[in-house]
Amino acid sequence: MRSPAIEVTGLHKSYGAHEAVAGVDLHMEEGEILAFLGPNGAGKTTTVEILEGFRARTAGKVSVLGQDPASAGLDWRERIGIVLQESQPEEYLTVAETVIMWAAYFPAPRPVSEVLKLVGLADHRDQRVGRLSGGQRRRLDLALALVGNPELLFLDEPTTGFDPTARREAWAMIDGLRDLGVTVLLTTHYMDEAQNLADRISVIAAGQIIAKGTAADLAEAASLQTRISWNAQEVPLDELPDQLRAAAAVLKEAGEHGETSTSPGEGPATLVIETDQVTDTVAVLLATARRLRGSVESLEVRAPTLEDTYLALVSETDSAEEPSP
């Protein structure tokens, strides 16, 4: 039976009277991609640095690849790869020379040509680092982390500053690490990135894990519902069954100055229902439209996104911390 890649129990880190990490439990299986999310100051970076062996903990048990990072030796460090938010490779070296130099630090590195192809830099192998674009520099960072053939990869904000096309390419590249058997701990502020890449998500706030699981698990924990909206001229409020009429909210479309109103009598309005009974609600709307000999062309069904969920979870934590007046 395989041991977990990361196992953390009761992790604490204090700086004097301030407790940056206040009892974190974290579990990560080999071969999975885990997104570790949290606002600035939540204890995320401190936790990751403890896992990487760069920062001492105050209390708790930590096992990374079966060893305690606080006492693990060089052989353990050779099994992990780290992509920091910023790096400063020698700008006068070429891409290939840089990766070759880093490969020399490891006992069994991955072939340089294979790594350059994997990160999309094969056609830039002879280009000097100082002339690379921001996206290409980030690819080089990943190449340097992968050349040691790590079992576990820490990815810190891997696509910051990327344009949309470059981000999608990076996502495909990171997703492809599964085929190499690499376990990935990803930190990011892009919720769509976490939703597209991660098998599971852990959210930290105020030094504690406040939610964990899949994106669907987190949405359930945040008690978020699917939003169904349509134009009130197509299916008027007073034509709805009593139960839906009571659940519906009325939003006036944005006016000339962007203002909104909840008054149904001031021009075209959008009706909104937030519900867990999506299929039944849509069926009633369509049946009502058919009865009125019309249609619901404006119908929009919007499930909660990971960003909606994250903001709801974090705001709940912030509210809980606010002192009573």
Protein backbone atom coordinates (compact mmCIF):
# COMPACT_ATOMS: atom_id res chain seq x y z
CA MET A 1 0.00 0.00 0.00
CA ARG A 2 1.36 3.39 -1.02
CA SER A 3 1.97 5.99 1.67
CA PRO A 4 0.47 9.50 1.19
CA ALA A 5 2.66 12.10 -0.45
CA ILE A 6 1.84 14.64 2.29
CA GLU A 7 0.37 14.02 5.74
CA VAL A 8 0.04 16.95 8.14
CA THR A 9 -1.64 16.82 11.55
CA GLY A 10 -2.12 19.71 13.97
CA LEU A 11 0.38 22.04 12.31
CA HIS A 12 1.08 25.26 14.21
CA LYS A 13 3.44 28.12 13.51
CA SER A 14 3.68 31.11 15.84
CA TYR A 15 5.63 34.35 15.62
CA GLY A 16 5.56 35.64 19.15
CA ALA A 17 1.91 36.15 20.07
CA HIS A 18 0.76 35.84 16.45
CA GLU A 19 -0.26 32.36 15.32
CA ALA A 20 0.12 32.27 11.53
CA VAL A 21 -0.86 28.59 11.27
CA ALA A 22 -3.36 27.41 13.86
CA GLY A 23 -3.85 23.65 13.65
CA VAL A 24 -3.74 22.70 9.97
CA ASP A 25 -4.48 19.12 8.88
CA LEU A 26 -3.60 18.31 5.28
CA HIS A 27 -3.62 15.05 3.36
CA MET A 28 -2.41 14.47 -0.20
CA GLU A 29 -2.26 11.25 -2.19
CA GLU A 30 0.55 10.31 -4.54
CA GLY A 31 -0.14 11.27 -8.15
CA GLU A 32 -2.84 13.86 -7.47
CA ILE A 33 -2.96 17.60 -8.05
CA LEU A 34 -4.06 19.49 -4.95
CA ALA A 35 -4.89 23.20 -5.10
CA PHE A 36 -4.04 25.00 -1.85
CA LEU A 37 -5.98 28.26 -1.80
CA GLY A 38 -6.23 31.15 0.61
CA PRO A 39 -6.13 34.95 0.83
CA ASN A 40 -2.93 36.83 1.55
CA GLY A 41 -1.98 36.46 5.20
CA ALA A 42 -4.00 33.27 5.67
CA GLY A 43 -0.97 31.09 6.49
CA LYS A 44 -0.71 29.47 3.08
CA THR A 45 2.88 30.44 2.29
CA THR A 46 4.04 29.58 5.81
CA THR A 47 2.47 26.13 5.55
CA VAL A 48 4.04 25.45 2.14
CA GLU A 49 7.47 26.59 3.31
CA ILE A 50 7.23 24.18 6.26
CA LEU A 51 6.36 21.37 3.83
CA GLU A 52 9.35 22.32 1.68
CA GLY A 53 11.68 22.25 4.68
CA PHE A 54 12.50 25.95 4.56
CA ARG A 55 10.72 26.98 7.74
CA ALA A 56 10.56 25.39 11.21
CA ARG A 57 7.18 24.65 12.75
CA THR A 58 6.07 25.38 16.30
CA ALA A 59 4.07 22.18 16.73
CA GLY A 60 2.40 19.36 14.82
CA LYS A 61 3.36 16.34 12.75
CA VAL A 62 4.51 16.69 9.14
CA SER A 63 5.40 13.92 6.70
CA VAL A 64 6.37 14.67 3.10
CA LEU A 65 7.26 11.67 0.94
CA GLY A 66 7.50 9.67 4.13
CA GLN A 67 9.98 11.97 5.91
CA ASP A 68 9.90 14.95 8.23
CA PRO A 69 11.08 18.00 6.21
CA ALA A 70 12.65 19.47 9.37
CA SER A 71 15.20 16.66 9.55
CA ALA A 72 15.24 15.19 6.03
CA GLY A 73 18.54 15.08 4.19
CA LEU A 74 19.75 15.77 0.68
CA ASP A 75 18.35 12.52 -0.68
CA TRP A 76 14.84 13.71 0.29
CA ARG A 77 15.35 17.16 -1.23
CA GLU A 78 16.37 15.54 -4.52
CA ARG A 79 12.90 13.99 -4.68
CA ILE A 80 11.01 17.30 -4.70
CA GLY A 81 10.82 20.16 -7.20
CA ILE A 82 9.91 23.76 -6.41
CA VAL A 83 8.67 26.51 -8.72
CA LEU A 84 8.76 29.81 -6.83
CA GLN A 85 6.87 32.95 -7.84
CA GLU A 86 10.14 34.51 -8.96
CA SER A 87 13.56 33.15 -9.90
CA GLN A 88 16.80 34.64 -11.20
CA PRO A 89 18.67 32.21 -13.49
CA GLU A 90 21.84 33.50 -15.13
CA GLU A 91 20.69 35.67 -18.02
CA TYR A 92 23.80 35.20 -20.16
CA LEU A 93 23.34 31.43 -20.37
CA THR A 94 21.15 29.80 -22.99
CA VAL A 95 18.03 27.88 -22.04
CA ALA A 96 19.75 24.54 -22.67
CA GLU A 97 22.89 25.55 -20.75
CA THR A 98 20.78 26.59 -17.77
CA VAL A 99 18.88 23.29 -17.64
CA ILE A 100 22.08 21.27 -18.15
CA MET A 101 23.70 23.11 -15.23
CA TRP A 102 20.75 22.35 -12.96
CA ALA A 103 20.63 18.75 -14.09
CA ALA A 104 24.17 18.29 -12.80
CA TYR A 105 22.91 18.77 -9.23
CA PHE A 106 20.83 15.57 -9.33
CA PRO A 107 21.91 11.91 -9.34
CA ALA A 108 19.34 10.75 -11.93
CA PRO A 109 18.08 13.78 -13.87
CA ARG A 110 15.52 13.63 -16.64
CA PRO A 111 17.09 14.11 -20.12
CA VAL A 112 17.41 17.81 -20.89
CA SER A 113 15.93 17.51 -24.39
CA GLU A 114 12.91 15.70 -22.94
CA VAL A 115 12.37 18.41 -20.31
CA LEU A 116 12.62 21.22 -22.86
CA LYS A 117 10.07 19.50 -25.07
CA LEU A 118 7.78 18.90 -22.13
CA VAL A 119 7.68 22.60 -21.15
CA GLY A 120 7.53 23.89 -24.73
CA LEU A 121 11.05 25.34 -24.93
CA ALA A 122 12.63 22.91 -27.40
CA ASP A 123 12.63 25.57 -30.15
CA HIS A 124 14.23 28.09 -27.77
CA ARG A 125 17.03 25.92 -26.39
CA ASP A 126 19.76 28.19 -27.81
CA GLN A 127 18.12 31.46 -26.80
CA ARG A 128 19.71 33.37 -23.94
CA VAL A 129 17.66 33.54 -20.76
CA GLY A 130 17.83 37.34 -20.68
CA ARG A 131 15.91 37.51 -23.97
CA LEU A 132 13.04 35.23 -22.97
CA SER A 133 9.52 36.60 -22.57
CA GLY A 134 7.78 36.44 -19.21
CA GLY A 135 5.85 33.32 -20.20
CA GLN A 136 9.00 31.63 -21.50
CA ARG A 137 10.82 32.45 -18.26
CA ARG A 138 8.01 30.75 -16.35
CA ARG A 139 8.38 27.69 -18.57
CA LEU A 140 12.09 27.68 -17.78
CA ASP A 141 11.27 27.78 -14.06
CA LEU A 142 9.17 24.66 -14.53
CA ALA A 143 11.93 23.00 -16.55
CA LEU A 144 14.41 23.59 -13.73
CA ALA A 145 11.99 22.05 -11.25
CA LEU A 146 11.34 19.01 -13.45
CA VAL A 147 14.86 18.21 -14.58
CA GLY A 148 15.65 16.50 -11.27
CA ASN A 149 12.81 14.06 -11.99
CA PRO A 150 10.90 14.92 -8.78
CA GLU A 151 8.18 12.81 -7.21
CA LEU A 152 6.52 15.88 -5.69
CA LEU A 153 6.30 19.33 -7.28
CA PHE A 154 5.42 22.57 -5.45
CA LEU A 155 3.95 25.08 -7.93
CA ASP A 156 3.58 28.62 -6.59
CA GLU A 157 1.43 30.88 -8.80
CA PRO A 158 2.68 29.20 -12.01
CA THR A 159 0.81 31.37 -14.54
CA THR A 160 1.02 34.84 -13.01
CA GLY A 161 1.38 37.37 -15.82
CA PHE A 162 0.43 34.93 -18.58
CA ASP A 163 -1.92 35.94 -21.39
CA PRO A 164 -5.01 33.70 -21.83
CA THR A 165 -3.42 31.56 -24.55
CA ALA A 166 -0.23 31.01 -22.58
CA ARG A 167 -2.24 30.11 -19.47
CA ARG A 168 -4.19 27.43 -21.35
CA GLU A 169 -0.95 25.99 -22.70
CA ALA A 170 0.53 25.97 -19.19
CA TRP A 171 -2.55 24.20 -17.86
CA ALA A 172 -2.17 21.45 -20.46
CA MET A 173 1.49 21.13 -19.51
CA ILE A 174 0.73 20.88 -15.77
CA ASP A 175 -2.11 18.44 -16.38
CA GLY A 176 0.33 16.31 -18.38
CA LEU A 177 2.48 15.86 -15.27
CA ARG A 178 -0.07 13.24 -14.16
CA ASP A 179 1.21 10.98 -16.93
CA LEU A 180 4.71 11.30 -15.47
CA GLY A 181 3.45 10.22 -12.05
CA VAL A 182 4.32 13.59 -10.48
CA THR A 183 2.33 14.73 -7.44
CA VAL A 184 1.59 18.48 -7.59
CA LEU A 185 0.78 20.94 -4.80
CA LEU A 186 -0.51 24.07 -6.55
CA THR A 187 -1.01 27.51 -5.03
CA THR A 188 -2.84 30.06 -7.15
CA HIS A 189 -5.12 33.08 -6.95
CA TYR A 190 -6.82 32.10 -10.22
CA MET A 191 -9.93 30.12 -9.31
CA ASP A 192 -10.47 28.87 -12.87
CA GLU A 193 -6.93 27.50 -12.78
CA ALA A 194 -7.64 25.52 -9.62
CA GLN A 195 -10.97 24.32 -10.97
CA ASN A 196 -9.42 23.12 -14.25
CA LEU A 197 -6.33 21.44 -12.78
CA ALA A 198 -7.00 20.19 -9.27
CA ASP A 199 -8.34 16.81 -8.22
CA ARG A 200 -9.05 18.27 -4.79
CA ILE A 201 -8.93 21.69 -3.16
CA SER A 202 -8.05 22.85 0.35
CA VAL A 203 -8.88 26.39 1.46
CA ILE A 204 -7.02 28.04 4.33
CA ALA A 205 -8.11 31.22 6.11
CA ALA A 206 -6.96 32.71 9.42
CA GLY A 207 -4.43 29.90 9.78
CA GLN A 208 -6.94 27.05 9.56
CA ILE A 209 -8.36 24.82 6.83
CA ILE A 210 -11.94 25.96 6.39
CA ALA A 211 -12.97 23.67 3.51
CA LYS A 212 -11.58 20.77 1.51
CA GLY A 213 -12.70 18.40 -1.20
CA THR A 214 -13.72 18.74 -4.82
CA ALA A 215 -15.13 21.98 -6.23
CA ALA A 216 -18.63 20.48 -5.84
CA ASP A 217 -17.90 19.57 -2.22
CA LEU A 218 -16.84 23.14 -1.49
CA ALA A 219 -19.93 24.60 -3.16
CA GLU A 220 -22.08 22.38 -0.96
CA ALA A 221 -20.15 23.46 2.13
CA ALA A 222 -20.74 27.10 1.21
CA SER A 223 -24.48 26.40 0.74
CA LEU A 224 -24.45 28.03 -2.70
CA GLN A 225 -27.32 27.43 -5.09
CA THR A 226 -27.72 27.53 -8.85
CA ARG A 227 -29.04 30.83 -10.22
CA ILE A 228 -31.83 30.67 -12.83
CA SER A 229 -32.76 33.92 -14.56
CA TRP A 230 -35.02 35.01 -17.42
CA ASN A 231 -36.74 38.05 -18.90
CA ALA A 232 -39.95 38.87 -17.01
CA GLN A 233 -41.69 39.76 -20.30
CA GLU A 234 -41.38 36.13 -21.42
CA VAL A 235 -42.69 34.56 -18.21
CA PRO A 236 -44.21 37.24 -15.93
CA LEU A 237 -43.97 36.93 -12.18
CA ASP A 238 -47.73 36.69 -11.69
CA GLU A 239 -47.92 33.69 -14.05
CA LEU A 240 -45.66 31.57 -11.86
CA PRO A 241 -46.99 28.98 -9.41
CA ASP A 242 -47.18 30.29 -5.86
CA GLN A 243 -44.06 28.43 -4.69
CA LEU A 244 -41.83 29.81 -7.46
CA ARG A 245 -43.37 33.27 -7.21
CA ALA A 246 -42.39 33.41 -3.55
CA ALA A 247 -38.84 32.32 -4.36
CA ALA A 248 -38.29 34.73 -7.25
CA ALA A 249 -36.45 38.02 -6.93
CA VAL A 250 -36.90 40.90 -9.38
CA LEU A 251 -33.90 42.75 -10.72
CA LYS A 252 -34.32 45.70 -13.05
CA GLU A 253 -31.79 45.71 -15.87
CA ALA A 254 -28.93 48.19 -15.53
CA GLY A 255 -30.00 51.70 -16.44
CA GLU A 256 -28.17 54.47 -18.24
CA HIS A 257 -25.88 55.10 -15.29
CA GLY A 258 -25.48 51.44 -14.32
CA GLU A 259 -27.94 51.64 -11.41
CA THR A 260 -30.09 48.68 -10.44
CA SER A 261 -33.54 48.51 -8.93
CA THR A 262 -35.75 45.87 -7.33
CA SER A 263 -38.91 47.53 -8.59
CA PRO A 264 -40.78 45.40 -11.15
CA GLY A 265 -42.63 48.35 -12.60
CA GLU A 266 -39.71 50.35 -14.03
CA GLY A 267 -39.05 48.79 -17.43
CA PRO A 268 -37.81 45.37 -18.56
CA ALA A 269 -36.87 43.25 -15.59
CA THR A 270 -34.95 40.04 -15.01
CA LEU A 271 -36.46 37.47 -12.70
CA VAL A 272 -34.07 35.37 -10.65
CA ILE A 273 -34.50 32.21 -8.61
CA GLU A 274 -31.69 30.60 -6.62
CA THR A 275 -32.43 26.93 -6.03
CA ASP A 276 -31.15 23.39 -5.65
CA GLN A 277 -34.15 22.10 -7.62
CA VAL A 278 -32.79 23.13 -11.02
CA THR A 279 -34.50 20.55 -13.24
CA ASP A 280 -37.93 20.99 -11.64
CA THR A 281 -37.70 24.79 -11.73
CA VAL A 282 -36.70 24.92 -15.40
CA ALA A 283 -39.46 22.44 -16.27
CA VAL A 284 -42.08 24.68 -14.63
CA LEU A 285 -40.75 27.76 -16.45
CA LEU A 286 -40.89 26.02 -19.82
CA ALA A 287 -44.36 24.64 -19.13
CA THR A 288 -45.54 28.13 -18.14
CA ALA A 289 -44.07 29.61 -21.32
CA ARG A 290 -45.83 26.97 -23.45
CA ARG A 291 -49.11 27.71 -21.69
CA LEU A 292 -48.64 31.38 -22.57
CA ARG A 293 -47.81 30.33 -26.15
CA GLY A 294 -44.34 31.77 -25.84
CA SER A 295 -40.77 30.75 -25.11
CA VAL A 296 -37.98 31.57 -22.67
CA GLU A 297 -35.15 32.55 -25.02
CA SER A 298 -33.47 34.56 -22.25
CA LEU A 299 -33.29 31.59 -19.85
CA GLU A 300 -29.90 31.36 -18.16
CA VAL A 301 -28.82 28.67 -15.69
CA ARG A 302 -25.62 29.50 -13.83
CA ALA A 303 -24.11 27.02 -11.38
CA PRO A 304 -21.84 28.49 -8.69
CA THR A 305 -18.23 28.74 -9.81
CA LEU A 306 -15.24 27.95 -7.63
CA GLU A 307 -14.65 31.70 -7.34
CA ASP A 308 -18.18 32.18 -5.97
CA THR A 309 -17.57 29.36 -3.51
CA TYR A 310 -14.15 30.61 -2.44
CA LEU A 311 -15.37 34.15 -1.82
CA ALA A 312 -18.34 32.88 0.18
CA LEU A 313 -16.16 30.64 2.35
CA VAL A 314 -13.52 33.29 2.99
CA SER A 315 -16.09 36.02 3.70
CA GLU A 316 -17.75 33.75 6.27
CA THR A 317 -14.39 33.38 8.00
CA ASP A 318 -13.79 37.13 7.93
CA SER A 319 -17.24 37.76 9.40
CA ALA A 320 -16.67 35.25 12.17
CA GLU A 321 -13.46 37.03 13.15
CA GLU A 322 -15.01 40.48 13.36
CA PRO A 323 -15.61 41.55 16.96
CA SER A 324 -19.13 42.30 18.03
CA PRO A 325 -19.95 46.02 18.32
